[in-house]
Amino acid sequence: MGLFSAVKNAVDKLGGSSTVRLASPDPHAVEVSVDHLSVHTAGGLIILVTSPAGAQILSEVARSGEPAQLRGPQTTVHLSPTTKEQRPVHDPKKGWAIPLSPAERETLSQLNAEPGDYEISESLAVSVEPTPEES
């Protein structure tokens, strides 16, 4: 049993079905390589930092409505569409598991690939950084 599953099971046992579930990676998620990907937090905000090409991939993943595993040079992000409230989880070995609500998927599907900072929701943002060739 992995860390995500163990934590999820413990939370379920403690709080039953009335608690907010923890997000977990979908084992059937499509794996996509991203040239630049990192994750930072600020309070309750998760910030995905990527390149313009990575922003296009994020937008396509959101439009597809399918789970995806984004692999960058230094981190992995598991994005899973959900209709239930879930909390994001970070595992130092497996990366981030981030749930995407229908509203977040809609906003993310329209993500601009131009460098800049974009608020997706109160808990998720994307920072698109120029690639070295563009700076």
Protein backbone atom coordinates (compact mmCIF):
# COMPACT_ATOMS: atom_id res chain seq x y z
CA MET A 1 0.00 0.00 0.00
CA GLY A 2 1.41 3.39 -1.00
CA LEU A 3 1.54 6.50 1.13
CA PHE A 4 -1.42 8.10 -0.68
CA SER A 5 -3.59 5.03 -0.06
CA ALA A 6 -2.52 4.66 3.57
CA VAL A 7 -3.26 8.30 4.40
CA LYS A 8 -6.55 8.17 2.50
CA ASN A 9 -7.63 5.00 4.34
CA ALA A 10 -6.69 6.48 7.73
CA VAL A 11 -8.67 9.64 7.02
CA ASP A 12 -11.68 7.62 5.86
CA LYS A 13 -11.59 5.52 9.04
CA LEU A 14 -11.31 8.57 11.28
CA GLY A 15 -13.99 10.68 9.69
CA GLY A 16 -16.09 8.37 7.61
CA SER A 17 -17.78 9.64 4.48
CA SER A 18 -18.51 13.13 5.87
CA THR A 19 -14.85 14.20 5.63
CA VAL A 20 -13.18 15.71 2.61
CA ARG A 21 -11.24 13.01 0.82
CA LEU A 22 -7.60 13.30 -0.12
CA ALA A 23 -6.76 13.31 -3.81
CA SER A 24 -4.88 10.29 -5.10
CA PRO A 25 -3.15 9.50 -8.39
CA ASP A 26 -5.18 7.58 -10.94
CA PRO A 27 -3.21 4.46 -11.93
CA HIS A 28 -4.69 4.67 -15.44
CA ALA A 29 -3.71 8.30 -16.02
CA VAL A 30 -1.99 9.20 -19.26
CA GLU A 31 1.68 10.14 -18.71
CA VAL A 32 2.85 13.37 -20.34
CA SER A 33 6.37 14.84 -20.26
CA VAL A 34 6.62 18.58 -19.63
CA ASP A 35 9.81 20.55 -20.33
CA HIS A 36 9.47 22.76 -17.23
CA LEU A 37 7.30 21.98 -14.20
CA SER A 38 7.56 22.87 -10.53
CA VAL A 39 5.10 23.36 -7.70
CA HIS A 40 5.15 26.00 -4.99
CA THR A 41 2.74 26.81 -2.19
CA ALA A 42 1.72 30.12 -0.67
CA GLY A 43 -0.65 29.71 2.24
CA GLY A 44 -3.49 27.58 0.88
CA LEU A 45 -2.57 28.29 -2.75
CA ILE A 46 -0.83 25.72 -4.96
CA ILE A 47 1.11 27.32 -7.81
CA LEU A 48 2.07 25.26 -10.85
CA VAL A 49 5.07 26.83 -12.60
CA THR A 50 5.61 25.86 -16.22
CA SER A 51 6.62 27.02 -19.69
CA PRO A 52 4.29 28.18 -22.49
CA ALA A 53 4.43 24.62 -23.90
CA GLY A 54 3.53 23.27 -20.45
CA ALA A 55 0.61 25.72 -20.24
CA GLN A 56 -0.74 24.34 -23.52
CA ILE A 57 -0.48 20.81 -22.12
CA LEU A 58 -2.32 21.87 -18.92
CA SER A 59 -5.06 23.38 -21.07
CA GLU A 60 -5.38 20.21 -23.18
CA VAL A 61 -5.49 18.01 -20.06
CA ALA A 62 -8.29 20.16 -18.62
CA ARG A 63 -10.26 20.01 -21.88
CA SER A 64 -9.91 16.22 -22.09
CA GLY A 65 -11.52 15.67 -18.69
CA GLU A 66 -9.23 12.66 -18.23
CA PRO A 67 -6.65 12.11 -15.45
CA ALA A 68 -3.06 12.86 -16.39
CA GLN A 69 0.37 12.45 -14.86
CA LEU A 70 2.62 15.37 -15.82
CA ARG A 71 6.33 14.60 -15.46
CA GLY A 72 8.77 17.47 -15.34
CA PRO A 73 12.53 17.28 -14.87
CA GLN A 74 12.22 17.59 -11.08
CA THR A 75 8.62 16.84 -10.09
CA THR A 76 5.49 14.93 -11.02
CA VAL A 77 1.94 16.27 -10.85
CA HIS A 78 -1.09 13.98 -10.99
CA LEU A 79 -4.19 15.89 -12.15
CA SER A 80 -7.54 14.17 -11.68
CA PRO A 81 -10.97 15.49 -12.59
CA THR A 82 -13.46 15.17 -9.74
CA THR A 83 -16.98 16.23 -8.87
CA LYS A 84 -16.44 15.70 -5.14
CA GLU A 85 -14.45 17.95 -2.84
CA GLN A 86 -10.92 16.61 -2.39
CA ARG A 87 -7.73 17.96 -0.86
CA PRO A 88 -4.46 18.06 -2.79
CA VAL A 89 -1.68 15.84 -1.44
CA HIS A 90 2.11 15.99 -1.77
CA ASP A 91 4.21 12.85 -1.50
CA PRO A 92 7.96 13.61 -1.61
CA LYS A 93 8.59 10.47 -3.70
CA LYS A 94 5.53 10.43 -5.99
CA GLY A 95 4.83 14.14 -6.41
CA TRP A 96 1.58 16.06 -6.16
CA ALA A 97 -1.96 14.70 -6.52
CA ILE A 98 -4.18 17.65 -7.42
CA PRO A 99 -7.94 17.28 -7.93
CA LEU A 100 -9.60 19.47 -10.57
CA SER A 101 -13.21 20.51 -10.04
CA PRO A 102 -15.42 21.18 -13.08
CA ALA A 103 -14.95 24.95 -12.56
CA GLU A 104 -11.15 24.57 -12.34
CA ARG A 105 -11.11 22.41 -15.47
CA GLU A 106 -13.17 25.02 -17.34
CA THR A 107 -10.84 27.87 -16.32
CA LEU A 108 -7.70 25.80 -16.93
CA SER A 109 -8.96 24.78 -20.38
CA GLN A 110 -8.79 28.47 -21.37
CA LEU A 111 -5.30 29.02 -19.91
CA ASN A 112 -3.22 31.51 -21.85
CA ALA A 113 0.19 30.19 -22.92
CA GLU A 114 1.69 33.69 -22.70
CA PRO A 115 4.09 34.28 -19.78
CA GLY A 116 2.24 35.56 -16.72
CA ASP A 117 0.44 34.49 -13.55
CA TYR A 118 -3.09 33.07 -13.77
CA GLU A 119 -5.54 32.39 -10.93
CA ILE A 120 -7.48 29.22 -11.64
CA SER A 121 -9.34 29.11 -8.31
CA GLU A 122 -8.87 30.19 -4.70
CA SER A 123 -6.57 27.20 -4.20
CA LEU A 124 -4.84 26.81 -7.59
CA ALA A 125 -2.76 29.14 -9.78
CA VAL A 126 -0.47 28.73 -12.78
CA SER A 127 2.65 30.76 -13.45
CA VAL A 128 3.83 30.59 -17.06
CA GLU A 129 7.51 31.49 -17.36
CA PRO A 130 9.24 32.28 -20.64
CA THR A 131 11.64 29.67 -21.95
CA PRO A 132 15.32 30.75 -22.18
CA GLU A 133 14.93 31.30 -25.95
CA GLU A 134 12.06 33.76 -25.32
CA SER A 135 13.76 35.86 -22.63
